[in-house]
């Protein structure tokens, strides 16, 4: 019984690790951002066009890892309910549209 539980836990953990390394789906990420109120929140933060948050010269996101961390933070703050795979999709879209990290 303990061995079976250990195998299930190990399989779940390895799934999380594989999921965190996936590239993400750009089109799905764009839809997720559009479905949530990301732009409205960004507009409240900086006024006007909320997308300026991504392109401002003093932006804090300077790497793909920092982008992933910021998306996760925003998702938590806005209580989006996104799964890690969906956050990966949002990261992929933001990177494709604004950041262009390797």
N, C-alpha and C. Protein backbone atom coordinates (compact mmCIF):
# COMPACT_ATOMS: atom_id res chain seq x y z
N UNK A 1 0.82 -1.20 0.00
CA UNK A 1 0.00 0.00 0.00
C UNK A 1 0.86 1.26 0.00
N UNK A 2 1.90 1.30 0.88
CA UNK A 2 2.77 2.47 0.93
C UNK A 2 3.50 2.66 -0.39
N UNK A 3 3.92 1.56 -1.00
CA UNK A 3 4.62 1.65 -2.28
C UNK A 3 3.72 2.25 -3.35
N UNK A 4 2.44 1.85 -3.35
CA UNK A 4 1.50 2.38 -4.33
C UNK A 4 1.29 3.88 -4.14
N UNK A 5 1.17 4.33 -2.91
CA UNK A 5 1.02 5.75 -2.62
C UNK A 5 2.27 6.50 -3.07
N UNK A 6 3.44 5.93 -2.79
CA UNK A 6 4.69 6.56 -3.22
C UNK A 6 4.78 6.70 -4.72
N UNK A 7 4.33 5.69 -5.45
CA UNK A 7 4.36 5.74 -6.91
C UNK A 7 3.41 6.83 -7.42
N UNK A 8 2.23 6.92 -6.83
CA UNK A 8 1.27 7.94 -7.23
C UNK A 8 1.84 9.33 -6.96
N UNK A 9 2.43 9.53 -5.80
CA UNK A 9 3.03 10.82 -5.48
C UNK A 9 4.18 11.16 -6.41
N UNK A 10 5.02 10.19 -6.71
CA UNK A 10 6.15 10.40 -7.61
C UNK A 10 5.65 10.75 -9.01
N UNK A 11 4.64 10.07 -9.48
CA UNK A 11 4.08 10.35 -10.80
C UNK A 11 3.50 11.77 -10.85
N UNK A 12 2.81 12.16 -9.81
CA UNK A 12 2.27 13.51 -9.76
C UNK A 12 3.34 14.57 -9.73
N UNK A 13 4.39 14.33 -8.96
CA UNK A 13 5.50 15.28 -8.88
C UNK A 13 6.21 15.39 -10.22
N UNK A 14 6.44 14.27 -10.87
CA UNK A 14 7.12 14.33 -12.17
C UNK A 14 6.24 15.03 -13.19
N UNK A 15 4.94 14.90 -13.08
CA UNK A 15 4.03 15.63 -13.96
C UNK A 15 4.13 17.12 -13.76
N UNK A 16 4.28 17.54 -12.52
CA UNK A 16 4.45 18.97 -12.24
C UNK A 16 5.75 19.48 -12.84
N UNK A 17 6.81 18.71 -12.71
CA UNK A 17 8.09 19.13 -13.25
C UNK A 17 8.06 19.22 -14.77
N UNK A 18 7.44 18.25 -15.41
CA UNK A 18 7.33 18.28 -16.86
C UNK A 18 6.44 19.44 -17.28
N UNK A 19 5.35 19.66 -16.56
CA UNK A 19 4.44 20.76 -16.89
C UNK A 19 5.10 22.11 -16.79
N UNK A 20 6.00 22.27 -15.83
CA UNK A 20 6.64 23.57 -15.66
C UNK A 20 7.65 23.85 -16.74
N UNK A 21 8.07 22.81 -17.48
CA UNK A 21 9.07 22.99 -18.52
C UNK A 21 8.42 23.14 -19.90
N UNK A 22 7.10 23.06 -19.98
CA UNK A 22 6.46 23.14 -21.28
C UNK A 22 6.50 24.55 -21.83
N UNK A 23 6.45 24.66 -23.12
CA UNK A 23 6.63 25.95 -23.78
C UNK A 23 5.41 26.86 -23.68
N UNK A 24 4.24 26.31 -23.62
CA UNK A 24 3.04 27.14 -23.58
C UNK A 24 2.49 27.38 -24.97
N UNK A 25 1.22 27.64 -25.04
CA UNK A 25 0.49 27.86 -26.29
C UNK A 25 0.16 29.34 -26.40
N UNK A 26 0.75 30.00 -27.40
CA UNK A 26 0.59 31.45 -27.57
C UNK A 26 -0.88 31.84 -27.74
N UNK A 27 -1.59 31.15 -28.62
CA UNK A 27 -2.99 31.50 -28.88
C UNK A 27 -3.86 31.30 -27.63
N UNK A 28 -3.61 30.22 -26.90
CA UNK A 28 -4.37 29.98 -25.67
C UNK A 28 -4.06 31.06 -24.64
N UNK A 29 -2.80 31.47 -24.56
CA UNK A 29 -2.41 32.53 -23.62
C UNK A 29 -3.08 33.85 -23.94
N UNK A 30 -3.16 34.18 -25.23
CA UNK A 30 -3.82 35.43 -25.63
C UNK A 30 -5.29 35.41 -25.21
N UNK A 31 -5.94 34.28 -25.39
CA UNK A 31 -7.35 34.16 -25.00
C UNK A 31 -7.52 34.27 -23.49
N UNK A 32 -6.62 33.65 -22.73
CA UNK A 32 -6.70 33.73 -21.27
C UNK A 32 -6.56 35.17 -20.79
N UNK A 33 -5.62 35.90 -21.37
CA UNK A 33 -5.43 37.30 -20.98
C UNK A 33 -6.66 38.13 -21.35
N UNK A 34 -7.24 37.86 -22.51
CA UNK A 34 -8.43 38.60 -22.94
C UNK A 34 -9.63 38.27 -22.06
N UNK A 35 -9.73 37.02 -21.61
CA UNK A 35 -10.87 36.60 -20.80
C UNK A 35 -10.83 37.16 -19.38
N UNK A 36 -9.64 37.41 -18.87
CA UNK A 36 -9.51 37.99 -17.54
C UNK A 36 -9.38 39.49 -17.68
N UNK A 37 -9.39 40.19 -16.59
CA UNK A 37 -9.37 41.64 -16.65
C UNK A 37 -7.94 42.18 -16.50
N UNK A 38 -7.00 41.57 -17.20
CA UNK A 38 -5.59 41.98 -17.10
C UNK A 38 -5.40 43.43 -17.52
N UNK A 39 -5.96 43.81 -18.67
CA UNK A 39 -5.78 45.17 -19.18
C UNK A 39 -6.35 46.21 -18.22
N UNK A 40 -7.51 45.93 -17.65
CA UNK A 40 -8.12 46.89 -16.71
C UNK A 40 -7.25 47.08 -15.47
N UNK A 41 -6.67 45.98 -14.98
CA UNK A 41 -5.79 46.09 -13.82
C UNK A 41 -4.55 46.91 -14.18
N UNK A 42 -3.98 46.64 -15.34
CA UNK A 42 -2.79 47.39 -15.77
C UNK A 42 -3.13 48.86 -15.98
N UNK A 43 -4.32 49.15 -16.49
CA UNK A 43 -4.74 50.54 -16.66
C UNK A 43 -4.85 51.24 -15.32
N UNK A 44 -5.35 50.54 -14.32
CA UNK A 44 -5.44 51.13 -12.98
C UNK A 44 -4.04 51.40 -12.41
N UNK A 45 -3.10 50.53 -12.73
CA UNK A 45 -1.74 50.69 -12.21
C UNK A 45 -0.99 51.86 -12.84
N UNK A 46 -1.12 52.01 -14.17
CA UNK A 46 -0.32 53.04 -14.85
C UNK A 46 -1.14 54.06 -15.62
N UNK A 47 -2.44 53.85 -15.72
CA UNK A 47 -3.29 54.76 -16.47
C UNK A 47 -3.16 54.56 -17.97
N UNK A 48 -4.15 54.98 -18.70
CA UNK A 48 -4.12 54.89 -20.16
C UNK A 48 -4.03 53.47 -20.67
N UNK A 49 -3.15 53.27 -21.64
CA UNK A 49 -2.98 51.97 -22.28
C UNK A 49 -2.23 51.03 -21.34
N UNK A 50 -2.92 50.01 -20.84
CA UNK A 50 -2.33 49.08 -19.89
C UNK A 50 -1.17 48.28 -20.44
N UNK A 51 -1.08 48.15 -21.76
CA UNK A 51 0.02 47.38 -22.34
C UNK A 51 1.36 48.10 -22.18
N UNK A 52 1.34 49.38 -21.85
CA UNK A 52 2.59 50.11 -21.59
C UNK A 52 3.35 49.51 -20.42
N UNK A 53 2.66 48.78 -19.57
CA UNK A 53 3.31 48.12 -18.45
C UNK A 53 4.37 47.15 -18.94
N UNK A 54 4.12 46.53 -20.09
CA UNK A 54 5.06 45.56 -20.65
C UNK A 54 6.25 46.23 -21.33
N UNK A 55 6.06 47.43 -21.84
CA UNK A 55 7.08 48.05 -22.69
C UNK A 55 7.81 49.23 -22.05
N UNK A 56 7.49 49.57 -20.84
CA UNK A 56 8.12 50.73 -20.21
C UNK A 56 9.63 50.47 -20.02
N UNK A 57 10.42 51.51 -20.07
CA UNK A 57 11.89 51.33 -19.98
C UNK A 57 12.36 50.76 -18.64
N UNK A 58 11.64 51.05 -17.57
CA UNK A 58 12.07 50.59 -16.23
C UNK A 58 11.34 49.32 -15.79
N UNK A 59 10.92 48.50 -16.76
CA UNK A 59 10.18 47.30 -16.39
C UNK A 59 11.03 46.36 -15.55
N UNK A 60 10.36 45.65 -14.65
CA UNK A 60 11.05 44.74 -13.72
C UNK A 60 11.28 43.37 -14.33
N UNK A 61 10.52 43.03 -15.35
CA UNK A 61 10.64 41.72 -15.99
C UNK A 61 11.78 41.80 -17.01
N UNK A 62 12.87 41.12 -16.69
CA UNK A 62 14.06 41.16 -17.56
C UNK A 62 14.51 39.78 -18.01
N UNK A 63 13.72 38.76 -17.73
CA UNK A 63 14.06 37.40 -18.15
C UNK A 63 12.77 36.57 -18.23
N UNK A 64 12.86 35.44 -18.88
CA UNK A 64 11.72 34.55 -18.97
C UNK A 64 11.30 34.04 -17.60
N UNK A 65 12.27 33.76 -16.74
CA UNK A 65 11.96 33.30 -15.38
C UNK A 65 11.21 34.38 -14.60
N UNK A 66 11.64 35.63 -14.75
CA UNK A 66 10.95 36.73 -14.05
C UNK A 66 9.55 36.95 -14.62
N UNK A 67 9.40 36.74 -15.92
CA UNK A 67 8.08 36.85 -16.53
C UNK A 67 7.14 35.79 -15.97
N UNK A 68 7.63 34.56 -15.87
CA UNK A 68 6.82 33.48 -15.31
C UNK A 68 6.43 33.78 -13.86
N UNK A 69 7.37 34.30 -13.10
CA UNK A 69 7.09 34.64 -11.70
C UNK A 69 6.05 35.76 -11.62
N UNK A 70 6.14 36.75 -12.50
CA UNK A 70 5.18 37.86 -12.49
C UNK A 70 3.79 37.39 -12.88
N UNK A 71 3.70 36.53 -13.88
CA UNK A 71 2.40 35.99 -14.29
C UNK A 71 1.78 35.21 -13.15
N UNK A 72 2.59 34.41 -12.47
CA UNK A 72 2.08 33.64 -11.33
C UNK A 72 1.60 34.58 -10.22
N UNK A 73 2.36 35.62 -9.95
CA UNK A 73 1.98 36.61 -8.93
C UNK A 73 0.64 37.27 -9.30
N UNK A 74 0.54 37.72 -10.55
CA UNK A 74 -0.70 38.38 -10.98
C UNK A 74 -1.88 37.41 -10.92
N UNK A 75 -1.65 36.20 -11.34
CA UNK A 75 -2.70 35.19 -11.30
C UNK A 75 -3.22 34.99 -9.88
N UNK A 76 -2.29 34.94 -8.94
CA UNK A 76 -2.67 34.78 -7.53
C UNK A 76 -3.43 36.01 -7.03
N UNK A 77 -2.92 37.19 -7.34
CA UNK A 77 -3.54 38.43 -6.87
C UNK A 77 -4.96 38.60 -7.42
N UNK A 78 -5.13 38.25 -8.69
CA UNK A 78 -6.44 38.41 -9.32
C UNK A 78 -7.35 37.20 -9.14
N UNK A 79 -6.80 36.16 -8.48
CA UNK A 79 -7.57 34.93 -8.25
C UNK A 79 -8.16 34.41 -9.57
N UNK A 80 -7.29 34.28 -10.59
CA UNK A 80 -7.74 33.85 -11.91
C UNK A 80 -8.18 32.40 -11.93
N UNK A 81 -7.61 31.58 -11.05
CA UNK A 81 -7.91 30.16 -11.07
C UNK A 81 -7.15 29.41 -12.16
N UNK A 82 -6.16 30.07 -12.77
CA UNK A 82 -5.38 29.42 -13.82
C UNK A 82 -4.56 28.28 -13.25
N UNK A 83 -4.48 27.20 -14.00
CA UNK A 83 -3.58 26.10 -13.69
C UNK A 83 -2.17 26.50 -14.14
N UNK A 84 -1.13 25.84 -13.64
CA UNK A 84 0.24 26.16 -14.07
C UNK A 84 0.40 26.10 -15.59
N UNK A 85 -0.27 25.18 -16.25
CA UNK A 85 -0.19 25.09 -17.71
C UNK A 85 -0.77 26.33 -18.37
N UNK A 86 -1.83 26.87 -17.79
CA UNK A 86 -2.44 28.08 -18.34
C UNK A 86 -1.52 29.29 -18.10
N UNK A 87 -0.87 29.33 -16.95
CA UNK A 87 0.11 30.39 -16.72
C UNK A 87 1.23 30.30 -17.75
N UNK A 88 1.66 29.07 -18.09
CA UNK A 88 2.67 28.88 -19.12
C UNK A 88 2.19 29.43 -20.46
N UNK A 89 0.90 29.26 -20.75
CA UNK A 89 0.34 29.79 -21.99
C UNK A 89 0.38 31.31 -21.99
N UNK A 90 0.05 31.93 -20.87
CA UNK A 90 0.08 33.39 -20.76
C UNK A 90 1.52 33.88 -20.91
N UNK A 91 2.46 33.21 -20.28
CA UNK A 91 3.87 33.57 -20.41
C UNK A 91 4.29 33.49 -21.88
N UNK A 92 3.87 32.43 -22.56
CA UNK A 92 4.23 32.26 -23.97
C UNK A 92 3.68 33.40 -24.82
N UNK A 93 2.44 33.81 -24.56
CA UNK A 93 1.85 34.90 -25.34
C UNK A 93 2.54 36.23 -25.03
N UNK A 94 2.73 36.53 -23.76
CA UNK A 94 3.39 37.80 -23.40
C UNK A 94 4.81 37.86 -23.97
N UNK A 95 5.50 36.73 -23.90
CA UNK A 95 6.85 36.70 -24.44
C UNK A 95 6.83 36.90 -25.96
N UNK A 96 5.90 36.25 -26.63
CA UNK A 96 5.76 36.39 -28.07
C UNK A 96 5.40 37.82 -28.47
N UNK A 97 4.49 38.42 -27.74
CA UNK A 97 3.95 39.74 -28.10
C UNK A 97 4.84 40.90 -27.67
N UNK A 98 5.45 40.80 -26.48
CA UNK A 98 6.14 41.96 -25.93
C UNK A 98 7.63 41.75 -25.62
N UNK A 99 8.00 40.62 -25.07
CA UNK A 99 9.33 40.50 -24.48
C UNK A 99 10.39 39.89 -25.39
N UNK A 100 10.08 38.83 -26.07
CA UNK A 100 11.01 38.17 -27.00
C UNK A 100 12.25 37.59 -26.32
N UNK A 101 12.08 37.02 -25.14
CA UNK A 101 13.19 36.33 -24.47
C UNK A 101 13.44 35.01 -25.17
N UNK A 102 14.66 34.53 -25.09
CA UNK A 102 15.02 33.21 -25.70
C UNK A 102 14.64 32.10 -24.76
